[in-house]
Amino acid sequence: MIDDDAAFRAVAKEYFEDSGFILIGAENGEEGLTLFRLEKPDVVINDLQMPGLSGLEVLKILTKEAPETPVVVLSEAGGLDEVIQALRIGAWDYLTKPMTQIPVLEHAVCRALEQSRLVEENKLYRRELEAANLALKKNLDILEEDQEAGRSVQMRLLPEQGIQFGSYRFHHHIAPSLFLSGDFVDYFKINEDVFGFYIADVSGHGASSAFVTVLLKSIMSQMLTRYQAQQDELIIHPEKVLAKLASEIYEAKLGKYLTMVYGVLDWKKNQLTYSIGGHYPNPILLENGKGRFLEGQGFPVGILKKTEYQRLTLEISQNAKLLMFSDGIAEILPEKDMASKEQLLLSMASAGNGTIDHFIQQLGLENKKGLPDDVTILTLWNGS
């Protein structure tokens, strides 16, 4: 356990040792890393708020040196941004402090150990599968055909370019890092006055992530059908849509989650209602040549079964543009820190008047291969 709270470490040590565990404590990140390398523990409990070497920096080192070791992070209440960063870096679970119920922490540790065991079993299975694949090389053409078929299905699920709802027009561009993409976009008419749209980014890459985009499309289509049959108004409430998706994806047990921005726009009133589920970067609103990131945050969709999301609203002025990106955009921007990357995005949006072609040209996305992550851009223009 790496935690600067000596009293908490003492209480946890007594409890865990009564349960048959051996708990080794460290009061800061440097000491924790030293003990980790010496003792090789089965699981690490890591406080995110510590003086000196931060909990996030410790987590980065641990996941680099021993990615198979489960790390359960502890965060002060309200530290949602740090929790999201920790999960993206590689934390297996998280709990909030103050920790008044040590059995809750024990349960999280046991769950992490069980997940670690399953990972080891999965590695063994993968090795066996790789051995089997050596005997199946002659069927490579068939596998390539399957990939082609999967990509064809995924492309057919995407909306048409340039669709217009009232005075609003959509465009999108998806550059997959692999043959199949874990990014997805959609926009659709809900009723005569309202349309919906979203951008989603599934964790991971390749076929398994692409499958989740198919599931996402299916769930959203079901919501739309129920609304149009006058059975359910869920689809017009972004915060409820994300909560529903979180539950559905969690229950699917696919080992995947996604980040997402979902918006509902009344094009006659020019009023946008939207919710954000752990998505980065936030959408950019471009008005009179100046861009700004929209407010809002939320937990990634599908990590927890029950999650609440913010509902936000704003007016869309004439000739305004809304730009949305998957987080793969940050991977290919030349700046090193996030603040500089965000500023560059705003500058590029203003310089190119929010057009996708400008981003494609500036970032070389037209024929770029071997991207570190899927890169998706979705734009909405009020051309009234």
Protein backbone atom coordinates (compact mmCIF):
# COMPACT_ATOMS: atom_id res chain seq x y z
CA MET A 1 0.00 0.00 0.00
CA ILE A 2 1.37 3.40 -1.04
CA ASP A 3 -0.35 6.09 1.06
CA ASP A 4 0.97 9.06 3.03
CA ASP A 5 -1.68 8.58 5.75
CA ALA A 6 0.14 6.58 8.43
CA ALA A 7 -2.99 6.01 10.53
CA PHE A 8 -4.89 4.64 7.54
CA ARG A 9 -1.99 2.35 6.62
CA ALA A 10 -1.90 1.00 10.17
CA VAL A 11 -5.63 0.27 10.25
CA ALA A 12 -5.52 -1.35 6.81
CA LYS A 13 -2.46 -3.45 7.74
CA GLU A 14 -4.16 -4.83 10.86
CA TYR A 15 -7.37 -5.63 8.99
CA PHE A 16 -5.72 -7.26 5.97
CA GLU A 17 -3.36 -9.35 8.07
CA ASP A 18 -6.33 -10.61 10.10
CA SER A 19 -7.78 -11.73 6.75
CA GLY A 20 -4.63 -13.66 5.84
CA PHE A 21 -2.91 -11.06 3.63
CA ILE A 22 0.59 -9.65 4.01
CA LEU A 23 0.39 -5.86 3.62
CA ILE A 24 3.53 -3.80 3.11
CA GLY A 25 3.14 -0.02 3.51
CA ALA A 26 4.99 2.91 1.99
CA GLU A 27 4.45 6.58 2.88
CA ASN A 28 5.35 8.08 -0.52
CA GLY A 29 5.78 7.21 -4.18
CA GLU A 30 9.54 6.81 -4.13
CA GLU A 31 9.48 4.41 -1.19
CA GLY A 32 6.54 2.56 -2.74
CA LEU A 33 8.38 1.93 -6.01
CA THR A 34 11.45 0.71 -4.14
CA LEU A 35 9.37 -1.76 -2.11
CA PHE A 36 7.47 -2.84 -5.21
CA ARG A 37 10.66 -3.73 -7.07
CA LEU A 38 12.00 -5.55 -4.01
CA GLU A 39 8.90 -7.46 -2.86
CA LYS A 40 7.04 -8.03 -6.17
CA PRO A 41 3.53 -7.85 -4.58
CA ASP A 42 0.45 -9.45 -6.14
CA VAL A 43 -1.54 -6.20 -6.02
CA VAL A 44 -0.81 -2.52 -5.30
CA ILE A 45 -3.06 -0.04 -3.49
CA ASN A 46 -2.00 3.42 -4.65
CA ASP A 47 -3.19 6.79 -3.30
CA LEU A 48 -3.44 9.39 -6.10
CA GLN A 49 -2.96 12.43 -3.82
CA MET A 50 0.52 12.27 -2.29
CA PRO A 51 3.34 14.77 -1.83
CA GLY A 52 6.45 14.33 -3.92
CA LEU A 53 6.05 11.79 -6.69
CA SER A 54 2.33 11.89 -7.50
CA GLY A 55 0.07 8.86 -7.50
CA LEU A 56 -0.45 9.20 -11.25
CA GLU A 57 3.31 9.21 -11.88
CA VAL A 58 3.67 6.13 -9.67
CA LEU A 59 0.88 4.46 -11.66
CA LYS A 60 2.59 5.26 -14.97
CA ILE A 61 5.83 3.65 -13.74
CA LEU A 62 4.05 0.60 -12.34
CA THR A 63 2.07 -0.04 -15.52
CA LYS A 64 5.25 0.33 -17.58
CA GLU A 65 7.39 -1.94 -15.41
CA ALA A 66 4.72 -4.50 -14.48
CA PRO A 67 1.55 -4.05 -16.57
CA GLU A 68 0.18 -7.37 -15.34
CA THR A 69 0.19 -6.30 -11.66
CA PRO A 70 -3.25 -5.01 -10.60
CA VAL A 71 -3.31 -1.47 -9.20
CA VAL A 72 -6.27 -0.23 -7.15
CA VAL A 73 -6.20 3.56 -6.85
CA LEU A 74 -7.62 5.68 -4.05
CA SER A 75 -8.86 9.20 -4.79
CA GLU A 76 -10.37 11.99 -2.74
CA ALA A 77 -14.07 12.58 -3.42
CA GLY A 78 -14.42 14.98 -6.35
CA GLY A 79 -11.22 13.86 -8.06
CA LEU A 80 -13.06 12.56 -11.15
CA ASP A 81 -10.51 13.90 -13.62
CA GLU A 82 -7.67 12.08 -11.84
CA VAL A 83 -9.70 8.88 -11.70
CA ILE A 84 -10.36 9.02 -15.46
CA GLN A 85 -6.65 9.61 -16.10
CA ALA A 86 -5.76 6.71 -13.81
CA LEU A 87 -8.15 4.35 -15.61
CA ARG A 88 -6.74 5.42 -18.97
CA ILE A 89 -3.18 4.84 -17.73
CA GLY A 90 -4.01 1.34 -16.53
CA ALA A 91 -5.59 1.29 -13.05
CA TRP A 92 -7.69 -1.81 -12.52
CA ASP A 93 -10.16 -0.29 -10.03
CA TYR A 94 -10.70 2.82 -7.92
CA LEU A 95 -12.24 3.77 -4.57
CA THR A 96 -12.91 7.16 -3.01
CA LYS A 97 -11.49 8.46 0.26
CA PRO A 98 -11.96 8.87 3.14
CA MET A 99 -12.11 5.08 3.33
CA THR A 100 -14.34 4.29 6.32
CA GLN A 101 -15.09 0.69 5.38
CA ILE A 102 -11.90 -1.37 5.02
CA PRO A 103 -13.95 -4.43 3.89
CA VAL A 104 -14.82 -2.43 0.75
CA LEU A 105 -11.11 -2.06 0.04
CA GLU A 106 -10.56 -5.77 0.72
CA HIS A 107 -13.33 -6.60 -1.76
CA ALA A 108 -11.66 -4.41 -4.42
CA VAL A 109 -8.31 -6.14 -3.79
CA CYS A 110 -9.88 -9.61 -4.07
CA ARG A 111 -11.63 -8.60 -7.26
CA ALA A 112 -8.36 -7.29 -8.73
CA LEU A 113 -6.59 -10.54 -7.84
CA GLU A 114 -9.34 -12.53 -9.50
CA GLN A 115 -9.08 -10.37 -12.63
CA SER A 116 -5.31 -10.88 -12.58
CA ARG A 117 -5.83 -14.65 -12.46
CA LEU A 118 -8.17 -14.44 -15.43
CA VAL A 119 -5.61 -12.37 -17.33
CA GLU A 120 -2.99 -15.06 -16.72
CA GLU A 121 -5.39 -17.73 -17.93
CA ASN A 122 -6.15 -15.61 -20.95
CA LYS A 123 -2.42 -15.31 -21.72
CA LEU A 124 -2.11 -19.08 -21.61
CA TYR A 125 -5.11 -19.37 -23.89
CA ARG A 126 -3.55 -16.83 -26.26
CA ARG A 127 -0.32 -18.80 -26.42
CA GLU A 128 -2.27 -21.93 -27.28
CA LEU A 129 -4.22 -19.97 -29.85
CA GLU A 130 -1.06 -18.58 -31.42
CA ALA A 131 0.29 -22.11 -31.75
CA ALA A 132 -2.92 -23.15 -33.46
CA ASN A 133 -2.74 -20.15 -35.77
CA LEU A 134 0.61 -21.30 -37.09
CA ALA A 135 -1.18 -24.28 -38.58
CA LEU A 136 -3.81 -22.02 -40.12
CA LYS A 137 -1.59 -19.70 -42.15
CA LYS A 138 -2.87 -21.23 -45.35
CA ASN A 139 -6.28 -19.72 -44.48
CA LEU A 140 -4.94 -16.16 -44.36
CA ASP A 141 -6.92 -15.19 -47.43
CA ILE A 142 -10.12 -16.24 -45.69
CA LEU A 143 -9.23 -14.18 -42.63
CA GLU A 144 -8.52 -11.16 -44.81
CA GLU A 145 -11.89 -11.60 -46.46
CA ASP A 146 -13.51 -11.63 -43.02
CA GLN A 147 -11.79 -8.36 -42.18
CA GLU A 148 -12.99 -6.88 -45.43
CA ALA A 149 -16.52 -8.04 -44.66
CA GLY A 150 -16.33 -6.56 -41.16
CA ARG A 151 -15.15 -3.22 -42.49
CA SER A 152 -17.92 -3.26 -45.09
CA VAL A 153 -20.52 -3.81 -42.36
CA GLN A 154 -19.07 -1.05 -40.21
CA MET A 155 -18.96 1.43 -43.09
CA ARG A 156 -22.58 0.66 -43.97
CA LEU A 157 -23.60 1.58 -40.42
CA LEU A 158 -22.13 5.08 -40.75
CA PRO A 159 -24.44 7.93 -41.78
CA GLU A 160 -24.21 9.61 -45.18
CA GLN A 161 -21.90 12.58 -45.59
CA GLY A 162 -23.43 16.02 -45.78
CA ILE A 163 -26.85 15.13 -44.37
CA GLN A 164 -28.85 18.26 -43.56
CA PHE A 165 -31.47 18.84 -40.89
CA GLY A 166 -33.08 22.24 -41.39
CA SER A 167 -30.19 24.68 -41.59
CA TYR A 168 -27.70 22.24 -40.04
CA ARG A 169 -25.29 20.09 -42.02
CA PHE A 170 -23.03 17.23 -40.86
CA HIS A 171 -19.68 15.95 -42.10
CA HIS A 172 -17.37 13.32 -40.64
CA HIS A 173 -14.02 11.63 -41.23
CA ILE A 174 -12.75 8.40 -39.62
CA ALA A 175 -9.10 7.33 -39.95
CA PRO A 176 -8.71 3.89 -38.29
CA SER A 177 -5.41 2.83 -36.77
CA LEU A 178 -6.16 -0.74 -37.87
CA PHE A 179 -8.41 -2.15 -40.56
CA LEU A 180 -11.45 -1.82 -38.28
CA SER A 181 -12.19 1.18 -36.09
CA GLY A 182 -13.26 1.57 -32.48
CA ASP A 183 -14.53 5.09 -33.26
CA PHE A 184 -18.06 5.74 -34.44
CA VAL A 185 -20.33 8.65 -35.33
CA ASP A 186 -24.00 8.95 -36.14
CA TYR A 187 -26.63 11.63 -36.70
CA PHE A 188 -30.33 11.07 -37.22
CA LYS A 189 -33.74 12.71 -37.30
CA ILE A 190 -35.78 12.20 -34.11
CA ASN A 191 -38.87 14.22 -35.09
CA GLU A 192 -39.70 17.18 -37.32
CA ASP A 193 -37.98 19.66 -35.01
CA VAL A 194 -35.22 17.65 -33.36
CA PHE A 195 -32.24 15.56 -34.45
CA GLY A 196 -29.64 13.64 -32.48
CA PHE A 197 -25.95 13.02 -33.01
CA TYR A 198 -22.99 11.45 -31.23
CA ILE A 199 -19.32 10.65 -31.43
CA ALA A 200 -18.03 7.59 -29.56
CA ASP A 201 -14.60 6.11 -28.91
CA VAL A 202 -14.45 2.49 -27.74
CA SER A 203 -11.48 1.43 -25.60
CA GLY A 204 -8.86 -0.56 -27.48
CA HIS A 205 -8.55 -1.17 -31.21
CA GLY A 206 -9.45 -3.63 -33.90
CA ALA A 207 -12.26 -6.15 -34.30
CA SER A 208 -13.35 -6.36 -30.65
CA SER A 209 -13.72 -2.58 -30.38
CA ALA A 210 -15.43 -2.43 -33.77
CA PHE A 211 -17.95 -4.99 -32.52
CA VAL A 212 -18.90 -2.63 -29.66
CA THR A 213 -19.62 0.13 -32.22
CA VAL A 214 -22.10 -2.24 -33.85
CA LEU A 215 -23.70 -2.87 -30.44
CA LEU A 216 -23.82 0.89 -29.82
CA LYS A 217 -25.55 1.52 -33.15
CA SER A 218 -28.08 -1.22 -32.34
CA ILE A 219 -28.94 0.15 -28.89
CA MET A 220 -29.33 3.70 -30.22
CA SER A 221 -31.54 2.47 -33.06
CA GLN A 222 -33.74 0.65 -30.58
CA MET A 223 -34.13 3.85 -28.52
CA LEU A 224 -35.06 5.80 -31.65
CA THR A 225 -37.59 3.17 -32.73
CA ARG A 226 -39.24 3.19 -29.30
CA TYR A 227 -39.49 6.98 -29.39
CA GLN A 228 -41.03 7.04 -32.86
CA ALA A 229 -43.52 4.38 -31.76
CA GLN A 230 -44.47 6.82 -28.94
CA GLN A 231 -43.41 4.35 -26.31
CA ASP A 232 -40.36 6.01 -24.76
CA GLU A 233 -38.85 9.54 -24.80
CA LEU A 234 -35.44 8.39 -23.59
CA ILE A 235 -33.68 9.33 -26.85
CA ILE A 236 -34.32 13.07 -26.37
CA HIS A 237 -32.63 13.14 -22.96
CA PRO A 238 -28.83 12.89 -23.44
CA GLU A 239 -28.03 12.28 -19.78
CA LYS A 240 -30.49 9.35 -19.68
CA VAL A 241 -29.18 7.95 -22.96
CA LEU A 242 -25.61 7.77 -21.60
CA ALA A 243 -26.86 6.19 -18.35
CA LYS A 244 -28.78 3.58 -20.34
CA LEU A 245 -25.78 2.82 -22.55
CA ALA A 246 -23.54 2.53 -19.48
CA SER A 247 -25.84 -0.13 -18.05
CA GLU A 248 -26.21 -2.03 -21.34
CA ILE A 249 -22.49 -2.13 -22.13
CA TYR A 250 -21.60 -3.07 -18.56
CA GLU A 251 -24.11 -5.92 -18.62
CA ALA A 252 -22.74 -7.15 -21.97
CA LYS A 253 -19.50 -8.17 -20.18
CA LEU A 254 -17.35 -7.47 -23.25
CA GLY A 255 -14.42 -6.05 -21.30
CA LYS A 256 -14.88 -2.75 -23.14
CA TYR A 257 -16.06 0.74 -22.32
CA LEU A 258 -16.45 3.85 -24.43
CA THR A 259 -16.32 7.60 -24.19
CA MET A 260 -19.04 9.58 -25.87
CA VAL A 261 -20.65 12.94 -26.57
CA TYR A 262 -24.38 12.76 -27.31
CA GLY A 263 -26.38 15.81 -28.34
CA VAL A 264 -29.99 16.59 -29.18
CA LEU A 265 -30.62 19.78 -31.16
CA ASP A 266 -33.90 21.59 -31.76
CA TRP A 267 -33.00 23.18 -35.09
CA LYS A 268 -35.96 25.59 -35.06
CA LYS A 269 -35.01 26.99 -31.65
CA ASN A 270 -31.25 26.55 -32.30
CA GLN A 271 -31.00 24.97 -28.85
CA LEU A 272 -28.54 22.16 -28.14
CA THR A 273 -28.84 19.78 -25.19
CA TYR A 274 -25.89 17.48 -24.65
CA SER A 275 -24.06 15.19 -22.21
CA ILE A 276 -20.46 14.02 -22.09
CA GLY A 277 -19.35 10.58 -20.96
CA GLY A 278 -15.63 10.74 -20.21
CA HIS A 279 -14.87 11.96 -23.72
CA TYR A 280 -11.71 13.90 -24.57
CA PRO A 281 -11.33 16.44 -25.99
CA ASN A 282 -14.56 18.29 -25.32
CA PRO A 283 -16.38 19.61 -28.40
CA ILE A 284 -15.27 22.96 -29.81
CA LEU A 285 -17.85 25.65 -30.62
CA LEU A 286 -16.62 28.02 -33.34
CA GLU A 287 -18.41 31.38 -33.48
CA ASN A 288 -17.28 34.48 -35.39
CA GLY A 289 -13.93 32.86 -36.09
CA LYS A 290 -13.18 32.12 -32.43
CA GLY A 291 -13.32 28.68 -30.88
CA ARG A 292 -13.91 27.53 -27.31
CA PHE A 293 -14.27 24.16 -25.66
CA LEU A 294 -17.74 23.37 -24.37
CA GLU A 295 -18.23 22.71 -20.69
CA GLY A 296 -19.06 19.30 -19.30
CA GLN A 297 -17.56 16.11 -18.03
CA GLY A 298 -18.69 12.65 -17.02
CA PHE A 299 -17.59 9.11 -16.37
CA PRO A 300 -16.74 6.77 -19.28
CA VAL A 301 -19.69 4.70 -20.47
CA GLY A 302 -19.78 1.05 -19.44
CA ILE A 303 -17.23 0.88 -16.62
CA LEU A 304 -19.95 1.11 -13.98
CA LYS A 305 -23.49 -0.21 -14.28
CA LYS A 306 -25.15 2.82 -12.69
CA THR A 307 -23.76 6.22 -13.66
CA GLU A 308 -25.27 9.71 -13.67
CA TYR A 309 -24.41 12.33 -16.30
CA GLN A 310 -24.71 16.10 -16.61
CA ARG A 311 -27.33 17.65 -18.88
CA LEU A 312 -26.10 20.89 -20.47
CA THR A 313 -27.74 23.32 -22.91
CA LEU A 314 -26.60 26.17 -25.13
CA GLU A 315 -27.76 28.25 -28.08
CA ILE A 316 -26.17 27.71 -31.50
CA SER A 317 -25.80 31.01 -33.34
CA GLN A 318 -26.02 31.51 -37.10
CA ASN A 319 -22.94 30.21 -39.00
CA ALA A 320 -21.59 28.60 -35.83
CA LYS A 321 -19.81 25.27 -36.11
CA LEU A 322 -19.52 22.46 -33.62
CA LEU A 323 -16.39 20.30 -33.93
CA MET A 324 -15.96 16.95 -32.19
CA PHE A 325 -12.90 14.69 -32.11
CA SER A 326 -11.93 11.27 -30.76
CA ASP A 327 -8.95 11.28 -28.40
CA GLY A 328 -6.76 9.86 -31.16
CA ILE A 329 -6.39 13.45 -32.39
CA ALA A 330 -4.20 14.18 -29.36
CA GLU A 331 -1.86 11.33 -30.30
CA ILE A 332 -0.88 12.92 -33.62
CA LEU A 333 -0.64 16.58 -32.57
CA PRO A 334 3.04 17.61 -32.30
CA GLU A 335 2.77 19.40 -28.94
CA LYS A 336 3.92 17.51 -25.86
CA ASP A 337 1.48 18.61 -23.15
CA MET A 338 -2.31 18.55 -23.20
CA ALA A 339 -2.75 22.29 -22.71
CA SER A 340 -0.65 23.00 -25.81
CA LYS A 341 -2.50 20.34 -27.81
CA GLU A 342 -5.84 21.91 -26.87
CA GLN A 343 -4.62 25.36 -27.85
CA LEU A 344 -3.42 24.02 -31.21
CA LEU A 345 -6.83 22.45 -31.83
CA LEU A 346 -8.51 25.79 -31.19
CA SER A 347 -6.05 27.55 -33.51
CA MET A 348 -6.54 24.98 -36.27
CA ALA A 349 -10.32 25.26 -35.93
CA SER A 350 -10.19 29.04 -36.30
CA ALA A 351 -7.63 29.02 -39.12
CA GLY A 352 -9.57 26.49 -41.18
CA ASN A 353 -13.02 27.85 -40.36
CA GLY A 354 -13.88 24.53 -38.75
CA THR A 355 -13.72 22.45 -41.97
CA ILE A 356 -12.76 18.79 -41.87
CA ASP A 357 -10.67 19.19 -45.03
CA HIS A 358 -8.44 21.67 -43.21
CA PHE A 359 -7.74 19.19 -40.40
CA ILE A 360 -7.17 16.33 -42.85
CA GLN A 361 -4.66 18.43 -44.77
CA GLN A 362 -2.86 19.83 -41.74
CA LEU A 363 -2.59 16.44 -40.02
CA GLY A 364 -1.94 14.40 -43.16
CA LEU A 365 -4.88 12.08 -42.52
CA GLU A 366 -5.87 11.47 -46.13
CA ASN A 367 -3.61 8.47 -46.72
CA LYS A 368 -1.92 8.14 -43.35
CA LYS A 369 -1.34 4.57 -42.14
CA GLY A 370 -0.06 3.15 -38.89
CA LEU A 371 -1.79 5.72 -36.67
CA PRO A 372 -1.27 5.18 -32.93
CA ASP A 373 -5.03 5.41 -32.39
CA ASP A 374 -8.22 5.83 -34.39
CA VAL A 375 -8.77 9.48 -35.34
CA THR A 376 -12.32 10.72 -35.93
CA ILE A 377 -13.67 14.20 -36.67
CA LEU A 378 -17.36 15.14 -36.68
CA THR A 379 -18.59 18.63 -37.59
CA LEU A 380 -21.99 20.30 -37.37
CA TRP A 381 -22.54 23.62 -39.16
CA ASN A 382 -25.49 25.97 -38.72
CA GLY A 383 -25.59 27.41 -42.20
CA SER A 384 -28.82 29.41 -41.78
